[in-house]
Every structure is written in C-alpha cells, then in structure tokens.
Amino acid sequence: MSGVLNAVDQRTNLVGENRLELLLFSLNSRQIFAINVFKVKEVLKVPPLTKLPGSHHNIKGVASLRGESVPVIDLRSAIGFPSTLKGNDEEQNLIITEYNRSVQGFLVGQVRNIVNTAWTEIQPPPVTTGRNNYLTAITQIKDGEINHIVEIIDVEKVLAEIIDYDVSISEGVLDSELLNHMQGQKILVVDDSSTARSQVRGTLSQLGIEIIECRDGAEALNLLKKWADEGKDVTQELLMMITDAEMPEMDGYKLTHEVRSDPRMKNLYVALNTSLSGSFNEAMVQKVGCDRLISKFQPDLLVDVAQQRLRQVLNN
C-alpha cells in the first residue's frame, strides 16, 4: 500500500495544484492537438496492424502489443478530417491510452512534446465552434515569440461514437422501494465532455432524478456558492455531486477541496466519475476527500451509487 500512496503523492502533485501535463501532437496538418498525459500509457511507431472485417470505419486494425490486442483508431478521420495519408509512415505514430477501463491506440501524425500547464490556462472551446466539435478545451503555448493554439481532444466523444455506450440499466439493479423517493431528487453533474454528461443524464433520468449540469469545476463552485449565499442548504438541494477529475479552469480535485473547505457545503456527497485508470485511484479519492469513485462508463454502478446515497439520506 505504501507504494500506491507514493504513486498518489507523485501523480497528484500536479492535480493538487490545479495543473496538468499535455501531450502535443499533429494530425498531418499545422494544427496542434493534445490529450492529457495522465491517460497515456506509451507512444510508439505504428506496428503492423491486422484488419478486422466489419469493424467501425475509424478503426484501422488491431495491434499486438506484448500479447495484448489493442484496437487502433485513426484519430484524424474520427474527428472529421480526411483519412490519414498513406505512404507517410515516418509521420505516423501511435498513442496508447487507457480510458474507461479499456486500452486503445490513436493513430496520429508527429508527436511533439509534453507541456506542463495550469487548468486556469485551459478554456472551453468558443461557442461558435458549435455543439458537434470534438474538443473539450483549448489553450495556448508559446514557441519563441509565437503563440500557438492547442486543441484538446474530447476522447470520450470519439470513443462513444465507435463503441456506442448503452445507458440501459440491468435487471435487478433498481430498488423498487426507492423509486418513489428518487422522484425530484437533484444531482449536480460536472464534466467538460458533453458526451459524458449525456451518458450520466441518460442513465439517472430513468430514475426520475433531475440532472443539473456544469461544464467545469469553476462553474459548479460558483453555482454552489450562489446557493449558499442565498441561504440555501446545499446538502438539501442536492442528493450528491458527480464530478469529472479533469476539466478546464478548475479540475475535480480542486473543486472537491474548495467544497470541503467551505463550512456551508463541506458535507456535500461527492463522487468522482473518471475515465482515468490505475491502481492508485481509490487512494487518490481518499487523498482529495471524495466519497466515492465511479469509473466511466458503468450505468449500473451509477444507479447503485445514487441508490446507496439515497438510503443514507433516508436513514438519517
């Protein structure tokens, strides 16, 4: 356990300070894209791929990595660009990631470097980009005297369009005795990915729960403080808050810390809903003061957590 806790200390030094590391890459164009290093397992040259007949058109094949079969997604075509150019192998790399308890590879162009930045420097995409863009955020990096726009990919949206996550609830999960009590309960869902918010809303709304959505930690904290300033009891307003870990302006760890530091809302039940995988996640949840960890995307687990929380409220 001490090794796990050491890993938590090392990896949460950044998140505890509302910071993150981004892996920058191109997609055979001048634009610079990024994903969070926290979700990257490795970067390598593209190995031989085995084609899978009948697979999604954005899956270019399967790579065998140390005995594990890893699906390879052409990120360029997945976000709406023309398909990756053929015969340009020197500019093709594979980023191996772990999201939602699964491992996948993303075929990209040149992998540039890693930059360390603050979540306060990460901004939501402009409203004018529309609702169908594949970005969770944008930021800027300086290269000499030139500022470059960096576009952070909404990987959860890319995966959801390929995997087609099901929000149905398995038989036997719902507690019929709780259904009447669920009507009118409110849950605050905080996530920068519209896809992730939609998944949670689609699952929990089946129980009659009202979902209130915020796109980042700062927006959520402002809402909670507004309620508290108006004299509302936040713990009476909300059954719980479900927050993502990584978001622009304020991440979920910082949000939880701010909630716990405010006497008016310190008892709010907080569940961390994250696509991050790793053996130290449970220890990380304890470290930052969350009540539960929910690994994306598991509808049955979401329902179970909501029901357990409601039982606690009814028994108090």
C-alpha atoms as a PDB file:
ATOM      1  CA  MET A   1       0.000   0.000   0.000  1.00  0.00           C
ATOM      2  CA  SER A   2       2.901   2.367   0.681  1.00  0.00           C
ATOM      3  CA  GLY A   3       3.916   2.082  -2.981  1.00  0.00           C
ATOM      4  CA  VAL A   4       0.423   3.019  -4.040  1.00  0.00           C
ATOM      5  CA  LEU A   5       0.383   6.025  -1.742  1.00  0.00           C
ATOM      6  CA  ASN A   6       3.772   7.140  -3.045  1.00  0.00           C
ATOM      7  CA  ALA A   7       2.364   6.978  -6.576  1.00  0.00           C
ATOM      8  CA  VAL A   8      -0.592   9.076  -5.445  1.00  0.00           C
ATOM      9  CA  ASP A   9       1.705  11.700  -3.977  1.00  0.00           C
ATOM     10  CA  GLN A  10       3.798  11.839  -7.143  1.00  0.00           C
ATOM     11  CA  ARG A  11       0.900  11.987  -9.600  1.00  0.00           C
ATOM     12  CA  THR A  12      -1.339  14.309  -7.544  1.00  0.00           C
ATOM     13  CA  ASN A  13       1.324  16.951  -7.074  1.00  0.00           C
ATOM     14  CA  LEU A  14       0.021  18.435 -10.328  1.00  0.00           C
ATOM     15  CA  VAL A  15      -3.712  17.950  -9.813  1.00  0.00           C
ATOM     16  CA  GLY A  16      -3.496  19.196  -6.253  1.00  0.00           C
ATOM     17  CA  GLU A  17      -2.184  22.441  -7.657  1.00  0.00           C
ATOM     18  CA  ASN A  18      -4.814  22.500 -10.415  1.00  0.00           C
ATOM     19  CA  ARG A  19      -2.145  21.654 -13.005  1.00  0.00           C
ATOM     20  CA  LEU A  20      -1.821  19.124 -15.785  1.00  0.00           C
ATOM     21  CA  GLU A  21       0.546  17.836 -18.432  1.00  0.00           C
ATOM     22  CA  LEU A  22      -0.450  17.709 -22.094  1.00  0.00           C
ATOM     23  CA  LEU A  23       0.992  15.514 -24.835  1.00  0.00           C
ATOM     24  CA  LEU A  24       1.101  17.596 -28.019  1.00  0.00           C
ATOM     25  CA  PHE A  25       0.801  16.098 -31.478  1.00  0.00           C
ATOM     26  CA  SER A  26      -0.283  16.887 -35.012  1.00  0.00           C
ATOM     27  CA  LEU A  27      -2.601  15.083 -37.386  1.00  0.00           C
ATOM     28  CA  ASN A  28      -0.510  15.724 -40.522  1.00  0.00           C
ATOM     29  CA  SER A  29      -1.549  19.361 -40.514  1.00  0.00           C
ATOM     30  CA  ARG A  30      -0.319  22.582 -38.923  1.00  0.00           C
ATOM     31  CA  GLN A  31      -2.866  22.438 -36.132  1.00  0.00           C
ATOM     32  CA  ILE A  32      -1.638  21.301 -32.717  1.00  0.00           C
ATOM     33  CA  PHE A  33      -3.758  18.881 -30.721  1.00  0.00           C
ATOM     34  CA  ALA A  34      -3.349  17.452 -27.227  1.00  0.00           C
ATOM     35  CA  ILE A  35      -4.537  14.879 -24.736  1.00  0.00           C
ATOM     36  CA  ASN A  36      -3.802  14.628 -21.038  1.00  0.00           C
ATOM     37  CA  VAL A  37      -0.573  12.735 -20.303  1.00  0.00           C
ATOM     38  CA  PHE A  38      -2.315  11.155 -17.316  1.00  0.00           C
ATOM     39  CA  LYS A  39      -4.211   8.885 -19.725  1.00  0.00           C
ATOM     40  CA  VAL A  40      -1.249   7.976 -21.955  1.00  0.00           C
ATOM     41  CA  LYS A  41       0.457   4.610 -21.470  1.00  0.00           C
ATOM     42  CA  GLU A  42       3.102   4.929 -24.191  1.00  0.00           C
ATOM     43  CA  VAL A  43       3.925   6.385 -27.611  1.00  0.00           C
ATOM     44  CA  LEU A  44       5.433   4.245 -30.362  1.00  0.00           C
ATOM     45  CA  LYS A  45       5.878   3.920 -34.094  1.00  0.00           C
ATOM     46  CA  VAL A  46       2.960   2.216 -35.798  1.00  0.00           C
ATOM     47  CA  PRO A  47       3.370  -1.577 -35.657  1.00  0.00           C
ATOM     48  CA  PRO A  48       1.811  -3.949 -38.208  1.00  0.00           C
ATOM     49  CA  LEU A  49      -1.979  -3.829 -37.999  1.00  0.00           C
ATOM     50  CA  THR A  50      -4.432  -6.659 -38.505  1.00  0.00           C
ATOM     51  CA  LYS A  51      -7.609  -5.610 -40.313  1.00  0.00           C
ATOM     52  CA  LEU A  52     -10.948  -6.518 -38.743  1.00  0.00           C
ATOM     53  CA  PRO A  53     -13.713  -7.078 -41.304  1.00  0.00           C
ATOM     54  CA  GLY A  54     -16.930  -5.339 -40.339  1.00  0.00           C
ATOM     55  CA  SER A  55     -15.308  -3.068 -37.744  1.00  0.00           C
ATOM     56  CA  HIS A  56     -16.086   0.642 -37.424  1.00  0.00           C
ATOM     57  CA  HIS A  57     -14.695   2.674 -40.326  1.00  0.00           C
ATOM     58  CA  ASN A  58     -12.439   4.684 -37.992  1.00  0.00           C
ATOM     59  CA  ILE A  59     -10.753   1.535 -36.649  1.00  0.00           C
ATOM     60  CA  LYS A  60      -7.732   0.868 -38.841  1.00  0.00           C
ATOM     61  CA  GLY A  61      -6.987  -2.506 -37.332  1.00  0.00           C
ATOM     62  CA  VAL A  62      -5.620  -4.220 -34.254  1.00  0.00           C
ATOM     63  CA  ALA A  63      -2.045  -4.052 -32.983  1.00  0.00           C
ATOM     64  CA  SER A  64      -0.488  -6.827 -30.930  1.00  0.00           C
ATOM     65  CA  LEU A  65       1.440  -5.201 -28.079  1.00  0.00           C
ATOM     66  CA  ARG A  66       3.172  -7.594 -25.682  1.00  0.00           C
ATOM     67  CA  GLY A  67       0.467 -10.180 -26.193  1.00  0.00           C
ATOM     68  CA  GLU A  68      -2.428  -7.720 -25.867  1.00  0.00           C
ATOM     69  CA  SER A  69      -4.700  -6.921 -28.813  1.00  0.00           C
ATOM     70  CA  VAL A  70      -5.205  -3.151 -28.996  1.00  0.00           C
ATOM     71  CA  PRO A  71      -7.697  -1.532 -31.397  1.00  0.00           C
ATOM     72  CA  VAL A  72      -6.180   1.333 -33.377  1.00  0.00           C
ATOM     73  CA  ILE A  73      -8.357   4.359 -34.115  1.00  0.00           C
ATOM     74  CA  ASP A  74      -7.499   6.818 -36.892  1.00  0.00           C
ATOM     75  CA  LEU A  75      -7.924   9.992 -34.859  1.00  0.00           C
ATOM     76  CA  ARG A  76      -7.713  12.183 -37.933  1.00  0.00           C
ATOM     77  CA  SER A  77     -10.785  10.663 -39.590  1.00  0.00           C
ATOM     78  CA  ALA A  78     -12.557  10.204 -36.230  1.00  0.00           C
ATOM     79  CA  ILE A  79     -12.717  13.965 -35.684  1.00  0.00           C
ATOM     80  CA  GLY A  80     -13.831  14.753 -39.224  1.00  0.00           C
ATOM     81  CA  PHE A  81     -10.605  15.286 -41.169  1.00  0.00           C
ATOM     82  CA  PRO A  82      -9.784  13.390 -44.391  1.00  0.00           C
ATOM     83  CA  SER A  83      -8.339   9.975 -43.574  1.00  0.00           C
ATOM     84  CA  THR A  84      -4.656   9.715 -42.686  1.00  0.00           C
ATOM     85  CA  LEU A  85      -2.434   9.929 -45.738  1.00  0.00           C
ATOM     86  CA  LYS A  86      -0.925   6.679 -46.945  1.00  0.00           C
ATOM     87  CA  GLY A  87       2.786   6.273 -47.517  1.00  0.00           C
ATOM     88  CA  ASN A  88       3.677   8.736 -44.772  1.00  0.00           C
ATOM     89  CA  ASP A  89       4.790   6.248 -42.167  1.00  0.00           C
ATOM     90  CA  GLU A  90       7.585   8.428 -40.796  1.00  0.00           C
ATOM     91  CA  GLU A  91       4.937  10.937 -39.713  1.00  0.00           C
ATOM     92  CA  GLN A  92       2.602   8.367 -38.175  1.00  0.00           C
ATOM     93  CA  ASN A  93       2.761   7.450 -34.523  1.00  0.00           C
ATOM     94  CA  LEU A  94       0.599   5.509 -32.146  1.00  0.00           C
ATOM     95  CA  ILE A  95      -0.501   6.940 -28.792  1.00  0.00           C
ATOM     96  CA  ILE A  96      -1.623   4.132 -26.471  1.00  0.00           C
ATOM     97  CA  THR A  97      -4.171   5.313 -23.910  1.00  0.00           C
ATOM     98  CA  GLU A  98      -6.379   3.905 -21.206  1.00  0.00           C
ATOM     99  CA  TYR A  99      -9.908   5.285 -20.971  1.00  0.00           C
ATOM    100  CA  ASN A 100     -12.993   3.861 -19.319  1.00  0.00           C
ATOM    101  CA  ARG A 101     -11.232   0.638 -18.287  1.00  0.00           C
ATOM    102  CA  SER A 102     -10.121  -0.135 -21.838  1.00  0.00           C
ATOM    103  CA  VAL A 103      -6.868   0.262 -23.772  1.00  0.00           C
ATOM    104  CA  GLN A 104      -6.836   1.707 -27.276  1.00  0.00           C
ATOM    105  CA  GLY A 105      -4.359   3.257 -29.683  1.00  0.00           C
ATOM    106  CA  PHE A 106      -4.801   6.522 -31.560  1.00  0.00           C
ATOM    107  CA  LEU A 107      -3.107   6.896 -34.912  1.00  0.00           C
ATOM    108  CA  VAL A 108      -1.673  10.429 -35.131  1.00  0.00           C
ATOM    109  CA  GLY A 109       0.974  12.335 -37.039  1.00  0.00           C
ATOM    110  CA  GLN A 110       4.051  13.861 -35.423  1.00  0.00           C
ATOM    111  CA  VAL A 111       4.235  13.645 -31.635  1.00  0.00           C
ATOM    112  CA  ARG A 112       5.793  16.901 -30.497  1.00  0.00           C
ATOM    113  CA  ASN A 113       6.446  17.175 -26.761  1.00  0.00           C
ATOM    114  CA  ILE A 114       4.881  17.359 -23.309  1.00  0.00           C
ATOM    115  CA  VAL A 115       3.978  20.698 -21.736  1.00  0.00           C
ATOM    116  CA  ASN A 116       3.122  21.438 -18.121  1.00  0.00           C
ATOM    117  CA  THR A 117       0.362  23.999 -17.674  1.00  0.00           C
ATOM    118  CA  ALA A 118      -2.350  25.104 -15.265  1.00  0.00           C
ATOM    119  CA  TRP A 119      -6.032  24.261 -15.562  1.00  0.00           C
ATOM    120  CA  THR A 120      -6.687  28.000 -15.280  1.00  0.00           C
ATOM    121  CA  GLU A 121      -4.969  28.336 -18.675  1.00  0.00           C
ATOM    122  CA  ILE A 122      -7.349  25.797 -20.217  1.00  0.00           C
ATOM    123  CA  GLN A 123     -10.510  27.323 -21.658  1.00  0.00           C
ATOM    124  CA  PRO A 124     -13.711  25.809 -23.095  1.00  0.00           C
ATOM    125  CA  PRO A 125     -13.944  25.856 -26.908  1.00  0.00           C
ATOM    126  CA  PRO A 126     -15.546  29.017 -28.316  1.00  0.00           C
ATOM    127  CA  VAL A 127     -19.331  28.778 -28.544  1.00  0.00           C
ATOM    128  CA  THR A 128     -19.044  29.472 -32.278  1.00  0.00           C
ATOM    129  CA  THR A 129     -17.420  26.057 -32.825  1.00  0.00           C
ATOM    130  CA  GLY A 130     -20.882  24.520 -32.459  1.00  0.00           C
ATOM    131  CA  ARG A 131     -22.117  21.542 -30.483  1.00  0.00           C
ATOM    132  CA  ASN A 132     -20.639  18.884 -32.748  1.00  0.00           C
ATOM    133  CA  ASN A 133     -16.967  19.707 -32.317  1.00  0.00           C
ATOM    134  CA  TYR A 134     -14.544  17.147 -30.893  1.00  0.00           C
ATOM    135  CA  LEU A 135     -12.856  19.435 -28.384  1.00  0.00           C
ATOM    136  CA  THR A 136     -13.191  19.670 -24.630  1.00  0.00           C
ATOM    137  CA  ALA A 137     -10.966  22.728 -24.381  1.00  0.00           C
ATOM    138  CA  ILE A 138      -8.306  24.915 -25.942  1.00  0.00           C
ATOM    139  CA  THR A 139      -5.164  26.541 -24.604  1.00  0.00           C
ATOM    140  CA  GLN A 140      -2.112  28.421 -25.868  1.00  0.00           C
ATOM    141  CA  ILE A 141       1.579  27.577 -25.798  1.00  0.00           C
ATOM    142  CA  LYS A 142       4.450  29.879 -26.612  1.00  0.00           C
ATOM    143  CA  ASP A 143       7.149  28.821 -29.074  1.00  0.00           C
ATOM    144  CA  GLY A 144       9.691  31.618 -29.119  1.00  0.00           C
ATOM    145  CA  GLU A 145       7.707  34.741 -29.897  1.00  0.00           C
ATOM    146  CA  ILE A 146       4.776  32.868 -31.389  1.00  0.00           C
ATOM    147  CA  ASN A 147       1.648  31.776 -29.516  1.00  0.00           C
ATOM    148  CA  HIS A 148       0.094  28.579 -30.790  1.00  0.00           C
ATOM    149  CA  ILE A 149      -3.491  27.480 -30.193  1.00  0.00           C
ATOM    150  CA  VAL A 150      -3.666  23.927 -28.827  1.00  0.00           C
ATOM    151  CA  GLU A 151      -6.913  21.996 -29.257  1.00  0.00           C
ATOM    152  CA  ILE A 152      -7.611  19.363 -26.584  1.00  0.00           C
ATOM    153  CA  ILE A 153      -9.471  16.362 -27.989  1.00  0.00           C
ATOM    154  CA  ASP A 154     -12.703  15.078 -26.432  1.00  0.00           C
ATOM    155  CA  VAL A 155     -11.563  11.444 -26.463  1.00  0.00           C
ATOM    156  CA  GLU A 156     -14.737  10.306 -24.694  1.00  0.00           C
ATOM    157  CA  LYS A 157     -16.839  11.607 -27.576  1.00  0.00           C
ATOM    158  CA  VAL A 158     -14.596   9.879 -30.107  1.00  0.00           C
ATOM    159  CA  LEU A 159     -14.877   6.570 -28.243  1.00  0.00           C
ATOM    160  CA  ALA A 160     -18.632   6.900 -27.685  1.00  0.00           C
ATOM    161  CA  GLU A 161     -19.221   7.227 -31.436  1.00  0.00           C
ATOM    162  CA  ILE A 162     -17.296   3.995 -32.015  1.00  0.00           C
ATOM    163  CA  ILE A 163     -18.369   1.934 -29.013  1.00  0.00           C
ATOM    164  CA  ASP A 164     -21.968   3.241 -28.736  1.00  0.00           C
ATOM    165  CA  TYR A 165     -22.288   3.056 -24.958  1.00  0.00           C
ATOM    166  CA  ASP A 166     -25.594   1.671 -23.687  1.00  0.00           C
ATOM    167  CA  VAL A 167     -27.350   3.589 -20.876  1.00  0.00           C
ATOM    168  CA  SER A 168     -29.812   0.797 -20.107  1.00  0.00           C
ATOM    169  CA  ILE A 169     -29.942  -0.491 -16.529  1.00  0.00           C
ATOM    170  CA  SER A 170     -29.556  -4.223 -15.900  1.00  0.00           C
ATOM    171  CA  GLU A 171     -32.414  -6.193 -14.451  1.00  0.00           C
ATOM    172  CA  GLY A 172     -32.279  -6.435 -10.678  1.00  0.00           C
ATOM    173  CA  VAL A 173     -30.228  -3.247 -10.159  1.00  0.00           C
ATOM    174  CA  LEU A 174     -33.180  -0.949  -9.460  1.00  0.00           C
ATOM    175  CA  ASP A 175     -34.560  -0.995  -5.934  1.00  0.00           C
ATOM    176  CA  SER A 176     -38.320  -0.624  -6.429  1.00  0.00           C
ATOM    177  CA  GLU A 177     -38.756   0.591  -2.845  1.00  0.00           C
ATOM    178  CA  LEU A 178     -36.580   3.620  -3.616  1.00  0.00           C
ATOM    179  CA  LEU A 179     -38.130   4.671  -6.913  1.00  0.00           C
ATOM    180  CA  ASN A 180     -40.803   6.912  -5.396  1.00  0.00           C
ATOM    181  CA  HIS A 181     -38.166   8.623  -3.245  1.00  0.00           C
ATOM    182  CA  MET A 182     -35.982   9.217  -6.314  1.00  0.00           C
ATOM    183  CA  GLN A 183     -38.586  11.471  -7.937  1.00  0.00           C
ATOM    184  CA  GLY A 184     -37.499  15.088  -7.672  1.00  0.00           C
ATOM    185  CA  GLN A 185     -34.027  14.354  -6.283  1.00  0.00           C
ATOM    186  CA  LYS A 186     -31.339  16.548  -7.847  1.00  0.00           C
ATOM    187  CA  ILE A 187     -27.794  15.592  -8.788  1.00  0.00           C
ATOM    188  CA  LEU A 188     -25.174  18.065  -9.972  1.00  0.00           C
ATOM    189  CA  VAL A 189     -23.086  16.601 -12.815  1.00  0.00           C
ATOM    190  CA  VAL A 190     -19.810  18.384 -13.549  1.00  0.00           C
ATOM    191  CA  ASP A 191     -17.909  17.358 -16.684  1.00  0.00           C
ATOM    192  CA  ASP A 192     -16.283  19.170 -19.587  1.00  0.00           C
ATOM    193  CA  SER A 193     -17.330  16.429 -22.017  1.00  0.00           C
ATOM    194  CA  SER A 194     -20.878  16.842 -23.310  1.00  0.00           C
ATOM    195  CA  THR A 195     -20.811  13.124 -24.130  1.00  0.00           C
ATOM    196  CA  ALA A 196     -20.008  12.179 -20.539  1.00  0.00           C
ATOM    197  CA  ARG A 197     -22.734  14.478 -19.183  1.00  0.00           C
ATOM    198  CA  SER A 198     -25.207  12.978 -21.634  1.00  0.00           C
ATOM    199  CA  GLN A 199     -24.304   9.453 -20.514  1.00  0.00           C
ATOM    200  CA  VAL A 200     -24.905  10.270 -16.850  1.00  0.00           C
ATOM    201  CA  ARG A 201     -28.106  12.174 -17.616  1.00  0.00           C
ATOM    202  CA  GLY A 202     -29.415   9.381 -19.826  1.00  0.00           C
ATOM    203  CA  THR A 203     -28.798   6.844 -17.068  1.00  0.00           C
ATOM    204  CA  LEU A 204     -30.038   8.645 -13.959  1.00  0.00           C
ATOM    205  CA  SER A 205     -33.007  10.416 -15.547  1.00  0.00           C
ATOM    206  CA  GLN A 206     -34.568   6.958 -15.907  1.00  0.00           C
ATOM    207  CA  LEU A 207     -34.954   7.042 -12.113  1.00  0.00           C
ATOM    208  CA  GLY A 208     -36.793  10.364 -12.153  1.00  0.00           C
ATOM    209  CA  ILE A 209     -33.725  12.240 -10.936  1.00  0.00           C
ATOM    210  CA  GLU A 210     -33.291  15.844 -12.096  1.00  0.00           C
ATOM    211  CA  ILE A 211     -29.818  16.451 -13.505  1.00  0.00           C
ATOM    212  CA  ILE A 212     -28.164  19.866 -13.211  1.00  0.00           C
ATOM    213  CA  GLU A 213     -25.132  20.217 -15.495  1.00  0.00           C
ATOM    214  CA  CYS A 214     -21.940  22.276 -15.260  1.00  0.00           C
ATOM    215  CA  ARG A 215     -19.072  22.209 -17.743  1.00  0.00           C
ATOM    216  CA  ASP A 216     -16.191  22.695 -15.307  1.00  0.00           C
ATOM    217  CA  GLY A 217     -15.298  22.969 -11.643  1.00  0.00           C
ATOM    218  CA  ALA A 218     -15.326  26.765 -11.570  1.00  0.00           C
ATOM    219  CA  GLU A 219     -18.875  26.908 -12.944  1.00  0.00           C
ATOM    220  CA  ALA A 220     -20.015  24.307 -10.411  1.00  0.00           C
ATOM    221  CA  LEU A 221     -18.348  26.051  -7.470  1.00  0.00           C
ATOM    222  CA  ASN A 222     -19.892  29.384  -8.468  1.00  0.00           C
ATOM    223  CA  LEU A 223     -23.329  27.758  -8.563  1.00  0.00           C
ATOM    224  CA  LEU A 224     -22.883  26.137  -5.156  1.00  0.00           C
ATOM    225  CA  LYS A 225     -21.624  29.389  -3.616  1.00  0.00           C
ATOM    226  CA  LYS A 226     -24.559  31.282  -5.151  1.00  0.00           C
ATOM    227  CA  TRP A 227     -26.988  28.889  -3.499  1.00  0.00           C
ATOM    228  CA  ALA A 228     -25.163  29.172  -0.172  1.00  0.00           C
ATOM    229  CA  ASP A 229     -25.146  32.988  -0.399  1.00  0.00           C
ATOM    230  CA  GLU A 230     -28.912  32.857  -0.958  1.00  0.00           C
ATOM    231  CA  GLY A 231     -29.268  30.935   2.294  1.00  0.00           C
ATOM    232  CA  LYS A 232     -29.940  27.565   0.687  1.00  0.00           C
ATOM    233  CA  ASP A 233     -28.682  24.372   2.298  1.00  0.00           C
ATOM    234  CA  VAL A 234     -26.620  22.816  -0.474  1.00  0.00           C
ATOM    235  CA  THR A 235     -26.920  19.330   1.008  1.00  0.00           C
ATOM    236  CA  GLN A 236     -30.709  19.700   0.965  1.00  0.00           C
ATOM    237  CA  GLU A 237     -30.718  20.991  -2.601  1.00  0.00           C
ATOM    238  CA  LEU A 238     -28.643  18.111  -3.934  1.00  0.00           C
ATOM    239  CA  LEU A 239     -28.593  14.394  -3.346  1.00  0.00           C
ATOM    240  CA  MET A 240     -24.972  14.438  -4.481  1.00  0.00           C
ATOM    241  CA  MET A 241     -22.445  15.901  -6.898  1.00  0.00           C
ATOM    242  CA  ILE A 242     -20.814  13.754  -9.574  1.00  0.00           C
ATOM    243  CA  THR A 243     -17.677  15.375 -10.941  1.00  0.00           C
ATOM    244  CA  ASP A 244     -15.073  14.528 -13.539  1.00  0.00           C
ATOM    245  CA  ALA A 245     -11.437  14.717 -12.484  1.00  0.00           C
ATOM    246  CA  GLU A 246     -10.033  16.732 -15.389  1.00  0.00           C
ATOM    247  CA  MET A 247     -11.727  19.936 -16.538  1.00  0.00           C
ATOM    248  CA  PRO A 248     -10.835  23.438 -17.783  1.00  0.00           C
ATOM    249  CA  GLU A 249     -10.349  26.280 -15.302  1.00  0.00           C
ATOM    250  CA  MET A 250     -10.790  24.063 -12.224  1.00  0.00           C
ATOM    251  CA  ASP A 251     -10.343  20.292 -12.042  1.00  0.00           C
ATOM    252  CA  GLY A 252     -12.441  17.931  -9.936  1.00  0.00           C
ATOM    253  CA  TYR A 253      -9.797  17.588  -7.240  1.00  0.00           C
ATOM    254  CA  LYS A 254      -9.609  21.337  -6.713  1.00  0.00           C
ATOM    255  CA  LEU A 255     -13.416  21.570  -6.803  1.00  0.00           C
ATOM    256  CA  THR A 256     -13.690  18.913  -4.089  1.00  0.00           C
ATOM    257  CA  HIS A 257     -11.077  20.706  -1.995  1.00  0.00           C
ATOM    258  CA  GLU A 258     -12.996  24.000  -2.283  1.00  0.00           C
ATOM    259  CA  VAL A 259     -16.272  22.306  -1.344  1.00  0.00           C
ATOM    260  CA  ARG A 260     -14.699  20.646   1.689  1.00  0.00           C
ATOM    261  CA  SER A 261     -13.138  23.965   2.749  1.00  0.00           C
ATOM    262  CA  ASP A 262     -16.481  25.823   2.822  1.00  0.00           C
ATOM    263  CA  PRO A 263     -18.476  25.135   6.019  1.00  0.00           C
ATOM    264  CA  ARG A 264     -21.732  25.791   4.132  1.00  0.00           C
ATOM    265  CA  MET A 265     -21.217  22.844   1.790  1.00  0.00           C
ATOM    266  CA  LYS A 266     -18.489  20.702   3.311  1.00  0.00           C
ATOM    267  CA  ASN A 267     -20.886  17.777   3.873  1.00  0.00           C
ATOM    268  CA  LEU A 268     -21.982  17.567   0.239  1.00  0.00           C
ATOM    269  CA  TYR A 269     -21.632  13.994  -1.032  1.00  0.00           C
ATOM    270  CA  VAL A 270     -19.055  13.993  -3.849  1.00  0.00           C
ATOM    271  CA  ALA A 271     -18.454  11.141  -6.299  1.00  0.00           C
ATOM    272  CA  LEU A 272     -15.518  11.309  -8.685  1.00  0.00           C
ATOM    273  CA  ASN A 273     -16.595   9.997 -12.102  1.00  0.00           C
ATOM    274  CA  THR A 274     -13.427   9.447 -14.093  1.00  0.00           C
ATOM    275  CA  SER A 275     -12.110   7.658 -17.150  1.00  0.00           C
ATOM    276  CA  LEU A 276      -8.679   7.561 -15.512  1.00  0.00           C
ATOM    277  CA  SER A 277      -7.484   4.060 -14.764  1.00  0.00           C
ATOM    278  CA  GLY A 278      -4.803   2.901 -12.377  1.00  0.00           C
ATOM    279  CA  SER A 279      -4.223   1.016  -9.163  1.00  0.00           C
ATOM    280  CA  PHE A 280      -3.978   4.179  -7.093  1.00  0.00           C
ATOM    281  CA  ASN A 281      -7.373   5.680  -7.936  1.00  0.00           C
ATOM    282  CA  GLU A 282      -9.058   4.587  -4.718  1.00  0.00           C
ATOM    283  CA  ALA A 283      -6.218   6.049  -2.673  1.00  0.00           C
ATOM    284  CA  MET A 284      -6.423   9.256  -4.715  1.00  0.00           C
ATOM    285  CA  VAL A 285     -10.121   9.607  -3.897  1.00  0.00           C
ATOM    286  CA  GLN A 286      -9.318   9.369  -0.196  1.00  0.00           C
ATOM    287  CA  LYS A 287      -6.492  11.868  -0.575  1.00  0.00           C
ATOM    288  CA  VAL A 288      -8.664  14.607  -2.105  1.00  0.00           C
ATOM    289  CA  GLY A 289     -11.731  13.993   0.068  1.00  0.00           C
ATOM    290  CA  CYS A 290     -14.231  12.443  -2.359  1.00  0.00           C
ATOM    291  CA  ASP A 291     -16.804   9.996  -1.016  1.00  0.00           C
ATOM    292  CA  ARG A 292     -16.817   7.570  -3.947  1.00  0.00           C
ATOM    293  CA  LEU A 293     -15.013   6.692  -7.137  1.00  0.00           C
ATOM    294  CA  ILE A 294     -17.078   5.834 -10.214  1.00  0.00           C
ATOM    295  CA  SER A 295     -15.132   4.529 -13.191  1.00  0.00           C
ATOM    296  CA  LYS A 296     -16.654   5.639 -16.508  1.00  0.00           C
ATOM    297  CA  PHE A 297     -18.924   4.470 -18.038  1.00  0.00           C
ATOM    298  CA  GLN A 298     -20.932   1.995 -15.918  1.00  0.00           C
ATOM    299  CA  PRO A 299     -24.684   2.699 -15.808  1.00  0.00           C
ATOM    300  CA  ASP A 300     -25.363   0.027 -13.177  1.00  0.00           C
ATOM    301  CA  LEU A 301     -22.680   1.461 -10.900  1.00  0.00           C
ATOM    302  CA  LEU A 302     -24.063   4.992 -11.332  1.00  0.00           C
ATOM    303  CA  VAL A 303     -27.500   3.790 -10.303  1.00  0.00           C
ATOM    304  CA  ASP A 304     -26.102   1.804  -7.390  1.00  0.00           C
ATOM    305  CA  VAL A 305     -24.178   4.809  -6.060  1.00  0.00           C
ATOM    306  CA  ALA A 306     -27.278   7.040  -6.316  1.00  0.00           C
ATOM    307  CA  GLN A 307     -29.380   4.441  -4.512  1.00  0.00           C
ATOM    308  CA  GLN A 308     -26.807   3.940  -1.763  1.00  0.00           C
ATOM    309  CA  ARG A 309     -26.642   7.683  -1.222  1.00  0.00           C
ATOM    310  CA  LEU A 310     -30.439   7.961  -1.063  1.00  0.00           C
ATOM    311  CA  ARG A 311     -30.572   5.176   1.538  1.00  0.00           C
ATOM    312  CA  GLN A 312     -28.092   7.146   3.670  1.00  0.00           C
ATOM    313  CA  VAL A 313     -30.262  10.265   3.411  1.00  0.00           C
ATOM    314  CA  LEU A 314     -33.466   8.400   4.261  1.00  0.00           C
ATOM    315  CA  ASN A 315     -31.845   6.672   7.252  1.00  0.00           C
ATOM    316  CA  ASN A 316     -30.547   9.920   8.782  1.00  0.00           C
END
